[in-house]
Amino acid sequence: MPAVPRYFAASLVAICGQVASRTEHRLSVGFAIRIFVGTNGLGGGRFETADDLVIAVVSKWPKDNCLKRFVVCTGGEPLLQLNQMLVDALHSANCEIAIETNGSLRTPEHIDWICVSPKAGSPLELLEGDELKLVFPQLGLSPADFEGLAFRHFFIQPMDGAEISRNTRLALQYCLQHPKWKLSLQTHKFLEIR
């Protein structure tokens, strides 16, 4: 019998609250909370089975919640942990699953929303999904290199750091000159939500 993988809760974010609206372009939600931070941090730890991790995730919602739970797997590279057993267990618990990945690994089947954020120097194996989000500018990566891929939405996100103002201007300028690309901003940082 194959070994059961241990699940680490370092990379899951749950979005709680009612889904206000789902448009063709974005999902709007009431609020978001990070429920697992690191394996030794808030909510973190090791879970022996996919079901154990799902129980911990689902426990973050009110017990009388009858809405579909929206779970975003992100941080580090979530596909190092997210496998078909965990996807199936989350779906069985009435969860909708989104992932933000660098695209270097293939996803399990039936992920509800796939966001690929390529990184310079990493191979790109995942060539289709819901959105491609490119941190910009990024040495060695040009938005034009990704335009032929099978994504429904293409986003440019200014690279954070000391040059954020400059990078935001460059990203906005690129989007205005290339309408296939839309500007993506890390609103939580403007609102000082960590």
N, C-alpha and C. Protein backbone atom coordinates (compact mmCIF):
# COMPACT_ATOMS: atom_id res chain seq x y z
N MET A 1 0.85 -1.18 0.00
CA MET A 1 0.00 0.00 0.00
C MET A 1 0.89 1.24 0.00
N PRO A 2 0.63 2.23 -0.88
CA PRO A 2 1.48 3.42 -0.92
C PRO A 2 1.36 4.24 0.36
N ALA A 3 2.42 4.93 0.68
CA ALA A 3 2.43 5.76 1.88
C ALA A 3 1.42 6.90 1.71
N VAL A 4 0.73 7.21 2.80
CA VAL A 4 -0.21 8.34 2.80
C VAL A 4 0.61 9.60 3.04
N PRO A 5 0.48 10.59 2.15
CA PRO A 5 1.27 11.80 2.35
C PRO A 5 0.82 12.55 3.59
N ARG A 6 1.76 13.19 4.24
CA ARG A 6 1.41 14.06 5.35
C ARG A 6 1.08 15.41 4.77
N TYR A 7 0.04 16.03 5.25
CA TYR A 7 -0.39 17.31 4.74
C TYR A 7 0.07 18.41 5.68
N PHE A 8 0.68 19.41 5.12
CA PHE A 8 1.12 20.55 5.89
C PHE A 8 0.17 21.69 5.61
N ALA A 9 -0.21 22.40 6.63
CA ALA A 9 -1.20 23.46 6.46
C ALA A 9 -0.55 24.82 6.27
N ALA A 10 0.65 24.84 5.78
CA ALA A 10 1.36 26.11 5.62
C ALA A 10 0.85 26.93 4.47
N SER A 11 0.13 26.33 3.55
CA SER A 11 -0.17 27.05 2.32
C SER A 11 -1.65 27.22 2.02
N LEU A 12 -2.51 27.03 3.00
CA LEU A 12 -3.93 27.19 2.72
C LEU A 12 -4.43 28.52 3.24
N VAL A 13 -5.24 29.17 2.43
CA VAL A 13 -5.93 30.38 2.84
C VAL A 13 -7.40 30.09 2.63
N ALA A 14 -8.23 30.41 3.60
CA ALA A 14 -9.66 30.23 3.41
C ALA A 14 -10.30 31.59 3.25
N ILE A 15 -11.22 31.67 2.35
CA ILE A 15 -11.97 32.91 2.20
C ILE A 15 -13.34 32.64 2.78
N CYS A 16 -13.65 33.39 3.82
CA CYS A 16 -14.90 33.19 4.53
C CYS A 16 -15.85 34.33 4.20
N GLY A 17 -17.07 34.16 4.63
CA GLY A 17 -18.07 35.19 4.36
C GLY A 17 -18.84 34.81 3.12
N GLN A 18 -19.91 35.51 2.89
CA GLN A 18 -20.75 35.18 1.76
C GLN A 18 -20.12 35.68 0.47
N VAL A 19 -20.31 34.92 -0.56
CA VAL A 19 -19.87 35.36 -1.87
C VAL A 19 -20.88 36.40 -2.34
N ALA A 20 -20.40 37.62 -2.53
CA ALA A 20 -21.29 38.71 -2.91
C ALA A 20 -21.73 38.57 -4.36
N SER A 21 -20.79 38.31 -5.24
CA SER A 21 -21.15 38.14 -6.64
C SER A 21 -20.03 37.44 -7.35
N ARG A 22 -20.38 36.75 -8.38
CA ARG A 22 -19.37 36.12 -9.21
C ARG A 22 -19.59 36.63 -10.63
N THR A 23 -18.67 37.43 -11.08
CA THR A 23 -18.78 37.95 -12.43
C THR A 23 -17.88 37.13 -13.32
N GLU A 24 -17.93 37.39 -14.59
CA GLU A 24 -17.06 36.68 -15.50
C GLU A 24 -15.61 37.03 -15.23
N HIS A 25 -15.35 38.17 -14.61
CA HIS A 25 -13.98 38.63 -14.44
C HIS A 25 -13.38 38.29 -13.09
N ARG A 26 -14.13 38.37 -12.03
CA ARG A 26 -13.55 38.16 -10.71
C ARG A 26 -14.60 37.64 -9.75
N LEU A 27 -14.13 37.10 -8.67
CA LEU A 27 -14.99 36.65 -7.61
C LEU A 27 -14.92 37.68 -6.49
N SER A 28 -16.05 38.17 -6.04
CA SER A 28 -16.08 39.13 -4.95
C SER A 28 -16.52 38.42 -3.69
N VAL A 29 -15.84 38.65 -2.60
CA VAL A 29 -16.16 37.95 -1.36
C VAL A 29 -16.29 38.93 -0.22
N GLY A 30 -16.92 38.46 0.86
CA GLY A 30 -17.11 39.31 2.03
C GLY A 30 -15.79 39.68 2.69
N PHE A 31 -14.98 38.71 3.03
CA PHE A 31 -13.68 38.98 3.63
C PHE A 31 -12.82 37.74 3.54
N ALA A 32 -11.53 37.92 3.75
CA ALA A 32 -10.61 36.79 3.65
C ALA A 32 -9.79 36.69 4.92
N ILE A 33 -9.50 35.50 5.33
CA ILE A 33 -8.60 35.29 6.46
C ILE A 33 -7.59 34.22 6.10
N ARG A 34 -6.40 34.38 6.60
CA ARG A 34 -5.39 33.34 6.43
C ARG A 34 -5.56 32.42 7.63
N ILE A 35 -5.91 31.17 7.36
CA ILE A 35 -6.19 30.29 8.48
C ILE A 35 -5.03 29.41 8.87
N PHE A 36 -4.06 29.27 8.02
CA PHE A 36 -2.89 28.47 8.35
C PHE A 36 -1.66 29.27 7.96
N VAL A 37 -0.80 29.54 8.92
CA VAL A 37 0.42 30.30 8.64
C VAL A 37 1.60 29.47 9.11
N GLY A 38 2.34 28.90 8.17
CA GLY A 38 3.48 28.07 8.52
C GLY A 38 3.05 26.79 9.22
N THR A 39 3.93 25.83 9.29
CA THR A 39 3.57 24.59 9.97
C THR A 39 3.56 24.77 11.48
N ASN A 40 4.28 25.77 11.99
CA ASN A 40 4.30 26.02 13.43
C ASN A 40 3.53 27.27 13.81
N GLY A 41 2.92 27.94 12.85
CA GLY A 41 2.21 29.20 13.10
C GLY A 41 0.73 28.98 13.30
N LEU A 42 -0.01 30.05 13.19
CA LEU A 42 -1.46 30.06 13.36
C LEU A 42 -2.12 28.97 12.53
N GLY A 43 -2.76 28.02 13.18
CA GLY A 43 -3.47 26.96 12.48
C GLY A 43 -2.58 25.92 11.81
N GLY A 44 -1.29 26.14 11.84
CA GLY A 44 -0.36 25.25 11.14
C GLY A 44 -0.21 23.92 11.83
N GLY A 45 0.46 23.02 11.17
CA GLY A 45 0.69 21.71 11.74
C GLY A 45 0.80 20.67 10.66
N ARG A 46 0.88 19.45 11.09
CA ARG A 46 0.94 18.32 10.17
C ARG A 46 -0.34 17.52 10.36
N PHE A 47 -0.92 17.11 9.26
CA PHE A 47 -2.16 16.37 9.28
C PHE A 47 -1.90 15.03 8.60
N GLU A 48 -2.24 13.95 9.27
CA GLU A 48 -1.93 12.62 8.76
C GLU A 48 -2.68 12.27 7.48
N THR A 49 -3.90 12.77 7.36
CA THR A 49 -4.70 12.43 6.18
C THR A 49 -5.31 13.69 5.59
N ALA A 50 -5.76 13.56 4.36
CA ALA A 50 -6.47 14.66 3.71
C ALA A 50 -7.73 15.01 4.50
N ASP A 51 -8.43 14.00 5.00
CA ASP A 51 -9.65 14.25 5.78
C ASP A 51 -9.35 15.04 7.04
N ASP A 52 -8.22 14.76 7.70
CA ASP A 52 -7.84 15.51 8.91
C ASP A 52 -7.65 16.99 8.59
N LEU A 53 -6.99 17.27 7.48
CA LEU A 53 -6.77 18.66 7.09
C LEU A 53 -8.10 19.33 6.72
N VAL A 54 -8.96 18.63 6.02
CA VAL A 54 -10.26 19.20 5.64
C VAL A 54 -11.09 19.51 6.87
N ILE A 55 -11.07 18.66 7.87
CA ILE A 55 -11.79 18.93 9.11
C ILE A 55 -11.28 20.23 9.73
N ALA A 56 -9.97 20.43 9.74
CA ALA A 56 -9.40 21.67 10.28
C ALA A 56 -9.81 22.87 9.45
N VAL A 57 -9.83 22.74 8.14
CA VAL A 57 -10.23 23.85 7.26
C VAL A 57 -11.69 24.20 7.48
N VAL A 58 -12.56 23.21 7.43
CA VAL A 58 -14.00 23.42 7.55
C VAL A 58 -14.36 24.00 8.91
N SER A 59 -13.58 23.69 9.94
CA SER A 59 -13.88 24.19 11.29
C SER A 59 -13.76 25.71 11.39
N LYS A 60 -13.18 26.36 10.39
CA LYS A 60 -13.02 27.81 10.41
C LYS A 60 -14.31 28.54 10.02
N TRP A 61 -15.28 27.83 9.48
CA TRP A 61 -16.56 28.44 9.12
C TRP A 61 -17.56 28.20 10.25
N PRO A 62 -18.58 29.05 10.37
CA PRO A 62 -19.63 28.80 11.36
C PRO A 62 -20.29 27.45 11.10
N LYS A 63 -20.70 26.78 12.15
CA LYS A 63 -21.28 25.44 12.02
C LYS A 63 -22.55 25.43 11.19
N ASP A 64 -23.30 26.54 11.20
CA ASP A 64 -24.56 26.58 10.45
C ASP A 64 -24.38 27.07 9.02
N ASN A 65 -23.14 27.16 8.56
CA ASN A 65 -22.88 27.61 7.20
C ASN A 65 -23.43 26.61 6.19
N CYS A 66 -24.29 27.08 5.30
CA CYS A 66 -24.82 26.18 4.26
C CYS A 66 -24.29 26.59 2.89
N LEU A 67 -23.45 27.62 2.85
CA LEU A 67 -22.89 28.07 1.59
C LEU A 67 -21.65 27.25 1.23
N LYS A 68 -21.33 27.24 -0.03
CA LYS A 68 -20.11 26.58 -0.47
C LYS A 68 -18.93 27.35 0.11
N ARG A 69 -17.98 26.64 0.68
CA ARG A 69 -16.79 27.26 1.26
C ARG A 69 -15.77 27.47 0.14
N PHE A 70 -15.13 28.62 0.12
CA PHE A 70 -14.15 28.93 -0.93
C PHE A 70 -12.76 28.86 -0.30
N VAL A 71 -11.94 27.93 -0.74
CA VAL A 71 -10.62 27.69 -0.18
C VAL A 71 -9.58 27.97 -1.26
N VAL A 72 -8.62 28.84 -0.93
CA VAL A 72 -7.54 29.17 -1.85
C VAL A 72 -6.26 28.53 -1.34
N CYS A 73 -5.61 27.75 -2.17
CA CYS A 73 -4.34 27.12 -1.82
C CYS A 73 -3.24 27.94 -2.46
N THR A 74 -2.35 28.48 -1.64
CA THR A 74 -1.32 29.39 -2.12
C THR A 74 -0.10 29.31 -1.22
N GLY A 75 0.85 30.16 -1.45
CA GLY A 75 2.00 30.25 -0.57
C GLY A 75 3.04 29.19 -0.85
N GLY A 76 4.27 29.55 -1.00
CA GLY A 76 5.25 28.56 -1.42
C GLY A 76 4.78 28.00 -2.74
N GLU A 77 4.85 26.72 -2.95
CA GLU A 77 4.26 26.09 -4.13
C GLU A 77 3.25 25.07 -3.64
N PRO A 78 1.97 25.41 -3.69
CA PRO A 78 0.94 24.53 -3.12
C PRO A 78 0.84 23.17 -3.79
N LEU A 79 1.26 23.05 -5.05
CA LEU A 79 1.15 21.76 -5.72
C LEU A 79 2.15 20.73 -5.20
N LEU A 80 3.05 21.14 -4.32
CA LEU A 80 3.91 20.16 -3.65
C LEU A 80 3.10 19.37 -2.62
N GLN A 81 1.93 19.89 -2.22
CA GLN A 81 1.10 19.22 -1.23
C GLN A 81 -0.29 18.86 -1.73
N LEU A 82 -0.84 19.67 -2.59
CA LEU A 82 -2.22 19.48 -3.03
C LEU A 82 -2.27 18.33 -4.04
N ASN A 83 -2.92 17.24 -3.64
CA ASN A 83 -3.03 16.09 -4.54
C ASN A 83 -4.51 15.75 -4.71
N GLN A 84 -4.79 14.73 -5.50
CA GLN A 84 -6.17 14.39 -5.82
C GLN A 84 -6.97 14.00 -4.58
N MET A 85 -6.33 13.31 -3.61
CA MET A 85 -7.05 12.94 -2.39
C MET A 85 -7.55 14.17 -1.64
N LEU A 86 -6.71 15.21 -1.54
CA LEU A 86 -7.11 16.41 -0.83
C LEU A 86 -8.17 17.18 -1.61
N VAL A 87 -8.03 17.27 -2.92
CA VAL A 87 -9.04 17.94 -3.76
C VAL A 87 -10.39 17.24 -3.58
N ASP A 88 -10.41 15.93 -3.66
CA ASP A 88 -11.66 15.18 -3.51
C ASP A 88 -12.26 15.36 -2.12
N ALA A 89 -11.41 15.37 -1.10
CA ALA A 89 -11.90 15.54 0.27
C ALA A 89 -12.48 16.94 0.47
N LEU A 90 -11.85 17.96 -0.09
CA LEU A 90 -12.38 19.33 0.01
C LEU A 90 -13.72 19.45 -0.72
N HIS A 91 -13.81 18.88 -1.91
CA HIS A 91 -15.08 18.93 -2.64
C HIS A 91 -16.17 18.19 -1.87
N SER A 92 -15.83 17.07 -1.24
CA SER A 92 -16.82 16.32 -0.46
C SER A 92 -17.34 17.12 0.73
N ALA A 93 -16.54 18.09 1.19
CA ALA A 93 -16.93 18.94 2.32
C ALA A 93 -17.56 20.26 1.85
N ASN A 94 -18.05 20.27 0.61
CA ASN A 94 -18.74 21.45 0.06
C ASN A 94 -17.80 22.65 -0.07
N CYS A 95 -16.58 22.40 -0.51
CA CYS A 95 -15.60 23.47 -0.72
C CYS A 95 -15.37 23.68 -2.20
N GLU A 96 -15.24 24.94 -2.58
CA GLU A 96 -14.78 25.30 -3.91
C GLU A 96 -13.30 25.58 -3.77
N ILE A 97 -12.48 25.12 -4.70
CA ILE A 97 -11.03 25.16 -4.56
C ILE A 97 -10.40 26.04 -5.63
N ALA A 98 -9.60 26.99 -5.17
CA ALA A 98 -8.79 27.80 -6.08
C ALA A 98 -7.33 27.58 -5.71
N ILE A 99 -6.47 27.79 -6.66
CA ILE A 99 -5.05 27.63 -6.41
C ILE A 99 -4.30 28.75 -7.10
N GLU A 100 -3.25 29.23 -6.44
CA GLU A 100 -2.29 30.11 -7.09
C GLU A 100 -0.95 29.40 -7.07
N THR A 101 -0.44 29.12 -8.25
CA THR A 101 0.76 28.31 -8.42
C THR A 101 1.72 28.99 -9.37
N ASN A 102 2.98 28.61 -9.30
CA ASN A 102 3.93 29.16 -10.27
C ASN A 102 3.86 28.41 -11.61
N GLY A 103 3.07 27.35 -11.66
CA GLY A 103 2.86 26.63 -12.92
C GLY A 103 3.93 25.62 -13.26
N SER A 104 4.81 25.33 -12.32
CA SER A 104 5.90 24.39 -12.62
C SER A 104 5.47 22.92 -12.50
N LEU A 105 4.28 22.69 -11.94
CA LEU A 105 3.76 21.33 -11.79
C LEU A 105 2.33 21.28 -12.32
N ARG A 106 1.89 20.12 -12.75
CA ARG A 106 0.51 19.95 -13.19
C ARG A 106 -0.41 19.87 -11.99
N THR A 107 -1.66 20.29 -12.15
CA THR A 107 -2.63 20.24 -11.05
C THR A 107 -3.36 18.91 -11.05
N PRO A 108 -3.88 18.54 -9.87
CA PRO A 108 -4.83 17.42 -9.85
C PRO A 108 -6.08 17.83 -10.64
N GLU A 109 -6.95 16.89 -10.90
CA GLU A 109 -8.19 17.19 -11.62
C GLU A 109 -9.18 17.92 -10.72
N HIS A 110 -10.05 18.69 -11.37
CA HIS A 110 -11.21 19.31 -10.74
C HIS A 110 -10.91 20.47 -9.80
N ILE A 111 -9.82 21.20 -10.04
CA ILE A 111 -9.59 22.46 -9.32
C ILE A 111 -10.57 23.46 -9.94
N ASP A 112 -11.27 24.22 -9.11
CA ASP A 112 -12.32 25.11 -9.61
C ASP A 112 -11.80 26.40 -10.23
N TRP A 113 -10.66 26.89 -9.76
CA TRP A 113 -10.09 28.12 -10.29
C TRP A 113 -8.57 27.98 -10.25
N ILE A 114 -7.92 28.16 -11.40
CA ILE A 114 -6.47 28.02 -11.47
C ILE A 114 -5.86 29.35 -11.87
N CYS A 115 -5.00 29.87 -11.00
CA CYS A 115 -4.23 31.08 -11.27
C CYS A 115 -2.76 30.66 -11.35
N VAL A 116 -2.13 30.97 -12.48
CA VAL A 116 -0.72 30.68 -12.65
C VAL A 116 0.05 31.99 -12.62
N SER A 117 1.06 32.04 -11.77
CA SER A 117 1.92 33.22 -11.65
C SER A 117 3.36 32.77 -11.92
N PRO A 118 3.77 32.80 -13.20
CA PRO A 118 5.09 32.28 -13.57
C PRO A 118 6.23 33.05 -12.91
N LYS A 119 7.29 32.34 -12.64
CA LYS A 119 8.50 32.94 -12.05
C LYS A 119 9.66 32.71 -13.01
N ALA A 120 10.48 33.73 -13.16
CA ALA A 120 11.67 33.62 -14.02
C ALA A 120 12.54 32.48 -13.51
N GLY A 121 13.03 31.67 -14.42
CA GLY A 121 13.91 30.57 -14.06
C GLY A 121 13.20 29.28 -13.69
N SER A 122 11.87 29.31 -13.58
CA SER A 122 11.11 28.09 -13.28
C SER A 122 10.46 27.58 -14.55
N PRO A 123 10.45 26.27 -14.73
CA PRO A 123 9.79 25.73 -15.92
C PRO A 123 8.28 25.97 -15.83
N LEU A 124 7.63 26.14 -16.96
CA LEU A 124 6.19 26.34 -16.99
C LEU A 124 5.55 25.10 -17.61
N GLU A 125 4.91 24.29 -16.77
CA GLU A 125 4.24 23.06 -17.21
C GLU A 125 2.75 23.26 -17.38
N LEU A 126 2.19 24.20 -16.65
CA LEU A 126 0.75 24.44 -16.64
C LEU A 126 0.45 25.56 -17.63
N LEU A 127 -0.07 25.20 -18.80
CA LEU A 127 -0.22 26.14 -19.91
C LEU A 127 -1.66 26.58 -20.13
N GLU A 128 -2.55 26.24 -19.20
CA GLU A 128 -3.94 26.66 -19.32
C GLU A 128 -4.53 26.81 -17.93
N GLY A 129 -5.56 27.64 -17.85
CA GLY A 129 -6.22 27.87 -16.58
C GLY A 129 -7.16 29.04 -16.67
N ASP A 130 -7.56 29.53 -15.52
CA ASP A 130 -8.49 30.65 -15.47
C ASP A 130 -7.79 31.98 -15.62
N GLU A 131 -6.67 32.14 -14.92
CA GLU A 131 -5.95 33.41 -15.03
C GLU A 131 -4.45 33.18 -14.99
N LEU A 132 -3.77 34.03 -15.74
CA LEU A 132 -2.32 34.09 -15.68
C LEU A 132 -2.00 35.46 -15.08
N LYS A 133 -1.26 35.45 -13.98
CA LYS A 133 -0.90 36.70 -13.29
C LYS A 133 0.62 36.82 -13.31
N LEU A 134 1.09 37.82 -14.02
CA LEU A 134 2.53 38.01 -14.16
C LEU A 134 2.99 39.18 -13.31
N VAL A 135 3.90 38.90 -12.37
CA VAL A 135 4.52 39.97 -11.59
C VAL A 135 5.44 40.72 -12.55
N PHE A 136 5.36 42.06 -12.51
CA PHE A 136 5.98 42.88 -13.55
C PHE A 136 6.62 44.12 -12.96
N PRO A 137 7.80 44.51 -13.43
CA PRO A 137 8.64 43.80 -14.39
C PRO A 137 9.40 42.67 -13.70
N GLN A 138 9.72 41.68 -14.48
CA GLN A 138 10.45 40.52 -13.97
C GLN A 138 11.52 40.17 -14.99
N LEU A 139 12.76 40.32 -14.61
CA LEU A 139 13.87 40.07 -15.51
C LEU A 139 13.77 38.66 -16.08
N GLY A 140 13.79 38.55 -17.39
CA GLY A 140 13.74 37.26 -18.04
C GLY A 140 12.34 36.81 -18.44
N LEU A 141 11.30 37.60 -18.08
CA LEU A 141 9.94 37.24 -18.47
C LEU A 141 9.27 38.44 -19.14
N SER A 142 8.71 38.20 -20.30
CA SER A 142 7.97 39.23 -21.02
C SER A 142 6.51 38.79 -21.13
N PRO A 143 5.58 39.69 -20.88
CA PRO A 143 4.17 39.32 -21.04
C PRO A 143 3.86 38.73 -22.41
N ALA A 144 4.52 39.21 -23.43
CA ALA A 144 4.27 38.72 -24.79
C ALA A 144 4.53 37.22 -24.91
N ASP A 145 5.42 36.68 -24.08
CA ASP A 145 5.75 35.26 -24.12
C ASP A 145 4.57 34.37 -23.71
N PHE A 146 3.56 34.95 -23.04
CA PHE A 146 2.46 34.16 -22.48
C PHE A 146 1.14 34.37 -23.20
N GLU A 147 1.08 35.30 -24.12
CA GLU A 147 -0.19 35.68 -24.72
C GLU A 147 -0.86 34.57 -25.52
N GLY A 148 -0.11 33.62 -26.02
CA GLY A 148 -0.69 32.52 -26.79
C GLY A 148 -1.19 31.37 -25.95
N LEU A 149 -1.05 31.46 -24.63
CA LEU A 149 -1.46 30.36 -23.75
C LEU A 149 -2.98 30.39 -23.53
N ALA A 150 -3.54 29.27 -23.09
CA ALA A 150 -4.99 29.10 -22.96
C ALA A 150 -5.49 29.51 -21.57
N PHE A 151 -5.41 30.79 -21.29
CA PHE A 151 -5.97 31.35 -20.05
C PHE A 151 -7.12 32.27 -20.42
N ARG A 152 -8.11 32.34 -19.53
CA ARG A 152 -9.26 33.21 -19.80
C ARG A 152 -8.94 34.67 -19.48
N HIS A 153 -8.07 34.91 -18.53
CA HIS A 153 -7.74 36.27 -18.09
C HIS A 153 -6.23 36.41 -17.97
N PHE A 154 -5.73 37.59 -18.33
CA PHE A 154 -4.31 37.89 -18.25
C PHE A 154 -4.14 39.14 -17.39
N PHE A 155 -3.37 39.01 -16.29
CA PHE A 155 -3.16 40.11 -15.36
C PHE A 155 -1.68 40.44 -15.22
N ILE A 156 -1.41 41.73 -15.08
CA ILE A 156 -0.07 42.23 -14.75
C ILE A 156 -0.16 42.78 -13.32
N GLN A 157 0.73 42.33 -12.47
CA GLN A 157 0.77 42.81 -11.09
C GLN A 157 2.12 43.47 -10.83
N PRO A 158 2.12 44.73 -10.41
CA PRO A 158 3.40 45.41 -10.15
C PRO A 158 4.21 44.67 -9.10
N MET A 159 5.51 44.52 -9.37
CA MET A 159 6.39 43.88 -8.40
C MET A 159 6.49 44.77 -7.16
N ASP A 160 6.30 44.16 -6.01
CA ASP A 160 6.36 44.86 -4.73
C ASP A 160 7.82 45.16 -4.39
N GLY A 161 8.03 46.04 -3.44
CA GLY A 161 9.37 46.35 -2.98
C GLY A 161 9.65 47.84 -3.05
N ALA A 162 10.92 48.17 -3.00
CA ALA A 162 11.33 49.58 -2.97
C ALA A 162 10.89 50.34 -4.21
N GLU A 163 10.72 49.66 -5.32
CA GLU A 163 10.36 50.30 -6.60
C GLU A 163 8.86 50.16 -6.92
N ILE A 164 8.02 49.96 -5.92
CA ILE A 164 6.61 49.69 -6.17
C ILE A 164 5.92 50.81 -6.96
N SER A 165 6.22 52.07 -6.67
CA SER A 165 5.58 53.17 -7.41
C SER A 165 5.97 53.13 -8.88
N ARG A 166 7.24 52.96 -9.14
CA ARG A 166 7.74 52.87 -10.51
C ARG A 166 7.14 51.65 -11.21
N ASN A 167 7.14 50.51 -10.53
CA ASN A 167 6.62 49.29 -11.13
C ASN A 167 5.13 49.39 -11.42
N THR A 168 4.40 50.09 -10.56
CA THR A 168 2.97 50.28 -10.79
C THR A 168 2.74 51.12 -12.04
N ARG A 169 3.52 52.17 -12.20
CA ARG A 169 3.41 53.00 -13.41
C ARG A 169 3.74 52.18 -14.66
N LEU A 170 4.80 51.37 -14.59
CA LEU A 170 5.18 50.54 -15.74
C LEU A 170 4.09 49.51 -16.07
N ALA A 171 3.52 48.91 -15.05
CA ALA A 171 2.47 47.91 -15.26
C ALA A 171 1.23 48.56 -15.87
N LEU A 172 0.84 49.70 -15.34
CA LEU A 172 -0.32 50.41 -15.88
C LEU A 172 -0.08 50.80 -17.34
N GLN A 173 1.09 51.32 -17.62
CA GLN A 173 1.44 51.71 -18.99
C GLN A 173 1.37 50.49 -19.92
N TYR A 174 1.90 49.36 -19.47
CA TYR A 174 1.87 48.15 -20.30
C TYR A 174 0.43 47.74 -20.59
N CYS A 175 -0.42 47.77 -19.57
CA CYS A 175 -1.82 47.37 -19.75
C CYS A 175 -2.54 48.31 -20.72
N LEU A 176 -2.27 49.60 -20.62
CA LEU A 176 -2.91 50.56 -21.53
C LEU A 176 -2.47 50.33 -22.97
N GLN A 177 -1.23 49.91 -23.17
CA GLN A 177 -0.72 49.66 -24.52
C GLN A 177 -1.06 48.26 -25.04
N HIS A 178 -1.41 47.36 -24.14
CA HIS A 178 -1.71 45.97 -24.51
C HIS A 178 -3.01 45.56 -23.81
N PRO A 179 -4.16 45.85 -24.41
CA PRO A 179 -5.45 45.67 -23.75
C PRO A 179 -5.80 44.24 -23.36
N LYS A 180 -5.08 43.25 -23.85
CA LYS A 180 -5.33 41.87 -23.41
C LYS A 180 -5.03 41.73 -21.92
N TRP A 181 -4.11 42.57 -21.43
CA TRP A 181 -3.66 42.50 -20.04
C TRP A 181 -4.44 43.49 -19.19
N LYS A 182 -4.80 43.03 -17.97
CA LYS A 182 -5.49 43.88 -17.00
C LYS A 182 -4.57 44.08 -15.80
N LEU A 183 -4.72 45.20 -15.14
CA LEU A 183 -3.90 45.51 -13.96
C LEU A 183 -4.45 44.78 -12.74
N SER A 184 -3.58 44.14 -12.00
CA SER A 184 -3.92 43.47 -10.75
C SER A 184 -3.14 44.13 -9.63
N LEU A 185 -3.84 44.56 -8.60
CA LEU A 185 -3.19 45.21 -7.46
C LEU A 185 -3.42 44.39 -6.20
N GLN A 186 -2.47 44.39 -5.32
CA GLN A 186 -2.59 43.68 -4.05
C GLN A 186 -3.31 44.61 -3.06
N THR A 187 -4.61 44.66 -3.20
CA THR A 187 -5.44 45.58 -2.42
C THR A 187 -5.23 45.42 -0.92
N HIS A 188 -5.00 44.19 -0.47
CA HIS A 188 -4.81 43.97 0.98
C HIS A 188 -3.63 44.77 1.52
N LYS A 189 -2.65 45.03 0.68
CA LYS A 189 -1.49 45.82 1.14
C LYS A 189 -1.86 47.30 1.28
N PHE A 190 -2.67 47.80 0.33
CA PHE A 190 -3.13 49.19 0.45
C PHE A 190 -3.99 49.37 1.71
N LEU A 191 -4.77 48.34 2.03
CA LEU A 191 -5.65 48.40 3.19
C LEU A 191 -4.95 47.98 4.48
N GLU A 192 -3.67 47.63 4.37
CA GLU A 192 -2.85 47.18 5.49
C GLU A 192 -3.44 45.95 6.20
N ILE A 193 -3.93 45.03 5.38
CA ILE A 193 -4.41 43.75 5.89
C ILE A 193 -3.32 42.73 5.62
N ARG A 194 -2.82 42.13 6.65
CA ARG A 194 -1.73 41.15 6.50
C ARG A 194 -2.20 39.76 6.81
